[in-house]
Amino acid sequence: SSSIGGTTGGKSEADLRGLSGPTGVNSNKTLVLLNGRRLANHAFDAAAVDLNAIPLAAIDRIEVLRDGASALYGTDAIGGVINFILKREFVGFEVGAQVTKPQESGGGDTQRVNLSGGFGSLDKERFNVMASLDWRKQSTLEAKDRKFSKTGIIGTSRAAIGSGTSGTSFPGDLNGFEPSGPLCNPPSSVPRNTNPDNTGAFDSCRYDFSRDVDILTDNEQLTGLLRGSFAISPDHTASVEYLRANNKSIAHVAPVPQNHLMPASS
């Protein structure tokens, strides 16, 4: 659900069994935990935990409970539970980088860099301090740069053009508007034949708004984790953790349709 980022704030969610619905916008039926404890939901809509905010470089393993656990955790665990377990201790320094790029040009690539470091041994020195820093950058992918989304018009009939376009936004339908003008030319708009028999001249101008939507938003995220552990005994360890994620997302959507009718004498 990181796609169509204008409605998700650029977050990535877990959705076991698809209980969030066909759109997958609010994946609030799968509980995500960090070391068995709840995380704050993403600030955009507070619907679910953003998986991008979890520093993967500090993760030791991931446990998945596929059965519903609402009796134990509440209604947000109806679909199941995903528990991210941090490394018990980390010594040394580690650098990782990743770049993903679509085969087609036009955007949608992602760069990621993570740094991890730590010192101290729980067995020998009875303490360990570790830190992780994760930076992620996703570039915009506009609908106009993909064949499947560059237009909302599927077909050439009057109904096909009308259902996938808007006549109440600019450039929209104006009384007396000359459809052969520059504002009624593809790709921003398309003329529509309003004659019932689908013959004659085009006398209406429609706005093809689908192409102005971001499929993937411009998203930049910086996540930091600091963890300190102290071995009380061979079987008991006390730890404190601080996790902070900063997410900046810029989304472009089509203009809101407005109805402005101007007579030809205006």
Protein backbone atom coordinates (compact mmCIF):
# COMPACT_ATOMS: atom_id res chain seq x y z
CA SER A 1 0.00 0.00 0.00
CA SER A 2 2.95 2.33 -0.41
CA SER A 3 1.54 2.99 -3.90
CA ILE A 4 -0.98 5.77 -4.38
CA GLY A 5 0.94 7.60 -1.71
CA GLY A 6 -1.38 10.59 -1.77
CA THR A 7 -3.76 8.61 0.42
CA THR A 8 -1.18 6.82 2.60
CA GLY A 9 1.44 9.44 3.36
CA GLY A 10 4.07 7.22 1.75
CA LYS A 11 3.93 4.56 4.45
CA SER A 12 4.18 0.81 3.94
CA GLU A 13 1.82 -1.41 5.91
CA ALA A 14 1.33 -5.08 6.70
CA ASP A 15 -2.03 -6.54 5.74
CA LEU A 16 -2.43 -10.25 6.48
CA ARG A 17 -5.48 -11.90 4.85
CA GLY A 18 -6.48 -8.64 3.11
CA LEU A 19 -8.91 -7.60 5.85
CA SER A 20 -8.34 -3.90 5.22
CA GLY A 21 -10.53 -4.04 2.11
CA PRO A 22 -9.87 -3.88 -1.63
CA THR A 23 -7.98 -0.59 -1.50
CA GLY A 24 -5.60 -1.58 1.31
CA VAL A 25 -5.49 2.03 2.52
CA ASN A 26 -5.98 1.27 6.22
CA SER A 27 -4.26 -1.97 7.19
CA ASN A 28 -5.45 -1.81 10.79
CA LYS A 29 -6.27 -5.51 11.24
CA THR A 30 -2.65 -6.74 11.45
CA LEU A 31 -0.78 -5.92 14.64
CA VAL A 32 2.91 -4.99 14.29
CA LEU A 33 5.15 -5.27 17.36
CA LEU A 34 8.78 -4.47 18.10
CA ASN A 35 10.28 -6.87 20.68
CA GLY A 36 6.74 -7.79 21.69
CA ARG A 37 5.66 -4.20 22.31
CA ARG A 38 3.38 -1.93 20.34
CA LEU A 39 4.71 0.87 18.14
CA ALA A 40 3.14 4.24 17.46
CA ASN A 41 1.04 4.28 14.31
CA HIS A 42 2.03 6.40 11.34
CA ALA A 43 1.22 10.07 11.91
CA PHE A 44 -0.53 10.55 8.54
CA ASP A 45 -3.77 8.82 9.55
CA ALA A 46 -2.82 6.82 12.69
CA ALA A 47 -4.25 3.70 11.04
CA ALA A 48 -1.27 1.34 11.21
CA VAL A 49 2.46 1.04 11.85
CA ASP A 50 4.76 2.18 9.06
CA LEU A 51 7.09 -0.73 8.27
CA ASN A 52 9.60 1.68 6.74
CA ALA A 53 10.13 3.16 10.22
CA ILE A 54 11.61 -0.09 11.52
CA PRO A 55 15.42 -0.19 11.08
CA LEU A 56 15.92 -3.52 9.31
CA ALA A 57 19.67 -3.49 9.94
CA ALA A 58 19.00 -3.93 13.67
CA ILE A 59 16.50 -6.78 13.22
CA ASP A 60 17.53 -10.28 14.29
CA ARG A 61 14.41 -12.13 13.15
CA ILE A 62 10.72 -11.67 12.36
CA GLU A 63 8.02 -13.79 13.97
CA VAL A 64 4.61 -14.07 12.29
CA LEU A 65 1.48 -15.29 14.08
CA ARG A 66 -0.87 -16.20 11.24
CA ASP A 67 -3.86 -16.93 13.47
CA GLY A 68 -6.16 -14.23 14.75
CA ALA A 69 -5.13 -12.98 18.17
CA SER A 70 -7.84 -10.45 18.96
CA ALA A 71 -8.64 -12.17 22.28
CA LEU A 72 -5.12 -11.41 23.47
CA TYR A 73 -4.20 -8.17 21.72
CA GLY A 74 -7.49 -6.57 20.60
CA THR A 75 -9.29 -5.96 17.32
CA ASP A 76 -6.14 -4.74 15.52
CA ALA A 77 -4.82 -8.33 15.65
CA ILE A 78 -7.76 -10.01 13.91
CA GLY A 79 -5.63 -10.77 10.84
CA GLY A 80 -2.56 -11.84 12.83
CA VAL A 81 0.56 -10.46 14.50
CA ILE A 82 4.02 -9.61 13.14
CA ASN A 83 6.74 -9.26 15.76
CA PHE A 84 10.10 -7.72 14.80
CA ILE A 85 12.84 -8.91 17.18
CA LEU A 86 15.92 -6.70 17.57
CA LYS A 87 19.40 -8.13 17.86
CA ARG A 88 20.23 -8.95 21.46
CA GLU A 89 23.63 -7.31 21.10
CA PHE A 90 25.80 -5.91 18.34
CA VAL A 91 29.55 -5.31 18.30
CA GLY A 92 31.44 -3.58 15.52
CA PHE A 93 30.38 -1.39 12.62
CA GLU A 94 28.32 -2.22 9.56
CA VAL A 95 27.33 -0.27 6.44
CA GLY A 96 24.68 -1.32 3.93
CA ALA A 97 23.28 0.25 0.76
CA GLN A 98 20.53 -0.69 -1.65
CA VAL A 99 19.25 0.76 -4.92
CA THR A 100 16.11 -0.41 -6.72
CA LYS A 101 15.13 0.92 -10.12
CA PRO A 102 12.20 0.00 -12.40
CA GLN A 103 12.97 -1.29 -15.88
CA GLU A 104 10.94 1.54 -17.41
CA SER A 105 12.27 5.05 -17.03
CA GLY A 106 10.34 7.94 -15.54
CA GLY A 107 10.82 7.59 -11.79
CA GLY A 108 9.94 5.21 -8.98
CA ASP A 109 13.51 4.31 -7.99
CA THR A 110 14.51 3.92 -4.34
CA GLN A 111 17.84 4.43 -2.57
CA ARG A 112 18.54 3.19 0.94
CA VAL A 113 21.59 3.44 3.23
CA ASN A 114 21.88 2.06 6.74
CA LEU A 115 24.60 2.31 9.38
CA SER A 116 24.88 0.12 12.47
CA GLY A 117 27.38 0.11 15.31
CA GLY A 118 27.75 -1.24 18.82
CA PHE A 119 30.13 -2.13 21.63
CA GLY A 120 30.17 -4.17 24.81
CA SER A 121 29.53 -7.87 25.48
CA LEU A 122 26.65 -9.07 27.65
CA ASP A 123 28.56 -12.25 28.52
CA LYS A 124 31.87 -10.61 29.42
CA GLU A 125 31.21 -6.97 30.24
CA ARG A 126 27.51 -7.42 31.10
CA PHE A 127 26.40 -4.52 28.88
CA ASN A 128 25.92 -3.65 25.23
CA VAL A 129 25.12 -0.39 23.47
CA MET A 130 24.03 -0.40 19.83
CA ALA A 131 22.77 2.24 17.41
CA SER A 132 21.29 2.09 13.93
CA LEU A 133 20.59 4.83 11.38
CA ASP A 134 18.53 4.19 8.26
CA TRP A 135 17.97 6.65 5.36
CA ARG A 136 15.51 5.91 2.56
CA LYS A 137 14.59 8.00 -0.50
CA GLN A 138 11.85 7.13 -2.99
CA SER A 139 11.38 9.25 -6.11
CA THR A 140 8.07 10.19 -7.66
CA LEU A 141 6.41 7.99 -10.26
CA GLU A 142 3.72 9.90 -12.13
CA ALA A 143 0.71 8.21 -13.69
CA LYS A 144 1.49 9.76 -17.07
CA ASP A 145 4.77 7.81 -17.24
CA ARG A 146 3.07 4.40 -17.37
CA LYS A 147 0.85 3.03 -20.13
CA PHE A 148 -1.68 1.52 -17.72
CA SER A 149 -2.31 4.81 -15.91
CA LYS A 150 -1.57 7.66 -18.31
CA THR A 151 -5.25 8.13 -19.13
CA GLY A 152 -8.60 7.44 -17.53
CA ILE A 153 -10.21 6.78 -20.90
CA ILE A 154 -10.65 3.15 -21.91
CA GLY A 155 -12.39 3.01 -25.27
CA THR A 156 -13.63 5.55 -27.80
CA SER A 157 -17.36 5.62 -27.07
CA ARG A 158 -19.09 8.55 -25.48
CA ALA A 159 -19.63 6.59 -22.25
CA ALA A 160 -15.97 5.52 -22.06
CA ILE A 161 -14.76 9.10 -22.43
CA GLY A 162 -17.31 10.53 -20.02
CA SER A 163 -16.77 8.05 -17.18
CA GLY A 164 -13.01 8.52 -17.09
CA THR A 165 -12.91 12.29 -17.35
CA SER A 166 -14.31 15.37 -15.64
CA GLY A 167 -16.43 18.11 -17.13
CA THR A 168 -16.46 20.29 -14.01
CA SER A 169 -12.79 21.19 -13.68
CA PHE A 170 -10.37 23.26 -15.71
CA PRO A 171 -10.06 22.68 -18.57
CA GLY A 172 -13.66 21.57 -18.27
CA ASP A 173 -16.98 22.13 -19.97
CA LEU A 174 -17.76 25.79 -20.72
CA ASN A 175 -20.87 26.97 -22.52
CA GLY A 176 -19.73 28.45 -25.81
CA PHE A 177 -16.20 27.11 -25.39
CA GLU A 178 -14.47 26.35 -28.66
CA PRO A 179 -13.40 22.68 -28.44
CA SER A 180 -10.78 23.10 -31.13
CA GLY A 181 -8.82 25.51 -28.97
CA PRO A 182 -5.44 24.70 -27.36
CA LEU A 183 -6.95 23.90 -23.94
CA CYS A 184 -9.02 21.07 -25.36
CA ASN A 185 -6.19 19.10 -26.92
CA PRO A 186 -4.70 15.86 -25.54
CA PRO A 187 -3.12 14.87 -23.28
CA SER A 188 -4.55 17.23 -20.65
CA SER A 189 -8.08 17.11 -22.02
CA VAL A 190 -10.10 15.35 -24.64
CA PRO A 191 -13.11 16.43 -26.72
CA ARG A 192 -16.30 14.44 -26.31
CA ASN A 193 -19.11 13.98 -28.78
CA THR A 194 -22.30 14.88 -26.94
CA ASN A 195 -24.63 13.87 -29.76
CA PRO A 196 -26.70 10.84 -28.71
CA ASP A 197 -26.03 9.02 -31.97
CA ASN A 198 -22.26 9.46 -31.57
CA THR A 199 -22.00 11.40 -34.82
CA GLY A 200 -21.18 14.98 -35.64
CA ALA A 201 -18.68 17.45 -34.25
CA PHE A 202 -17.27 17.29 -30.76
CA ASP A 203 -18.87 20.06 -28.72
CA SER A 204 -17.67 19.35 -25.19
CA CYS A 205 -14.25 19.51 -23.56
CA ARG A 206 -13.35 16.96 -20.87
CA TYR A 207 -10.44 16.98 -18.41
CA ASP A 208 -8.46 13.72 -18.36
CA PHE A 209 -7.40 13.92 -14.70
CA SER A 210 -5.88 10.45 -14.19
CA ARG A 211 -2.54 11.44 -15.66
CA ASP A 212 -1.99 14.10 -12.99
CA VAL A 213 -1.90 11.63 -10.07
CA ASP A 214 1.27 10.25 -8.45
CA ILE A 215 1.44 6.46 -8.42
CA LEU A 216 4.40 6.66 -6.04
CA THR A 217 5.03 9.82 -4.07
CA ASP A 218 8.29 11.60 -3.43
CA ASN A 219 9.21 10.22 -0.02
CA GLU A 220 12.25 10.66 2.22
CA GLN A 221 12.65 8.96 5.58
CA LEU A 222 15.27 8.99 8.31
CA THR A 223 15.02 6.45 11.16
CA GLY A 224 17.26 6.20 14.21
CA LEU A 225 17.44 3.53 16.92
CA LEU A 226 19.44 3.55 20.15
CA ARG A 227 19.41 0.51 22.45
CA GLY A 228 21.23 -0.16 25.70
CA SER A 229 21.22 -3.54 27.48
CA PHE A 230 22.52 -4.68 30.86
CA ALA A 231 22.84 -8.32 31.93
CA ILE A 232 21.36 -8.61 35.44
CA SER A 233 21.93 -12.36 35.43
CA PRO A 234 22.60 -15.02 32.77
CA ASP A 235 18.84 -15.36 32.30
CA HIS A 236 17.67 -11.78 32.78
CA THR A 237 18.54 -8.68 30.76
CA ALA A 238 17.30 -5.12 31.25
CA SER A 239 17.20 -2.87 28.22
CA VAL A 240 16.05 0.58 27.13
CA GLU A 241 15.28 1.60 23.54
CA TYR A 242 14.71 4.86 21.73
CA LEU A 243 13.24 4.80 18.21
CA ARG A 244 12.55 7.89 16.12
CA ALA A 245 11.37 8.16 12.51
CA ASN A 246 11.03 11.31 10.42
CA ASN A 247 9.05 10.95 7.20
CA LYS A 248 8.53 13.65 4.55
CA SER A 249 6.20 12.91 1.65
CA ILE A 250 5.12 15.19 -1.20
CA ALA A 251 2.08 13.99 -3.15
CA HIS A 252 0.43 15.37 -6.27
CA VAL A 253 -3.21 14.65 -7.02
CA ALA A 254 -5.62 15.90 -9.67
CA PRO A 255 -7.33 19.26 -9.02
CA VAL A 256 -10.65 19.12 -7.22
CA PRO A 257 -13.50 19.35 -9.78
CA GLN A 258 -15.38 22.63 -9.66
CA ASN A 259 -18.39 23.68 -11.70
CA HIS A 260 -18.00 27.03 -13.47
CA LEU A 261 -20.44 27.76 -16.29
CA MET A 262 -19.84 30.79 -18.49
CA PRO A 263 -22.28 31.84 -21.21
CA ALA A 264 -20.97 32.60 -24.69
CA SER A 265 -21.77 36.31 -24.19
CA SER A 266 -19.48 36.57 -21.17
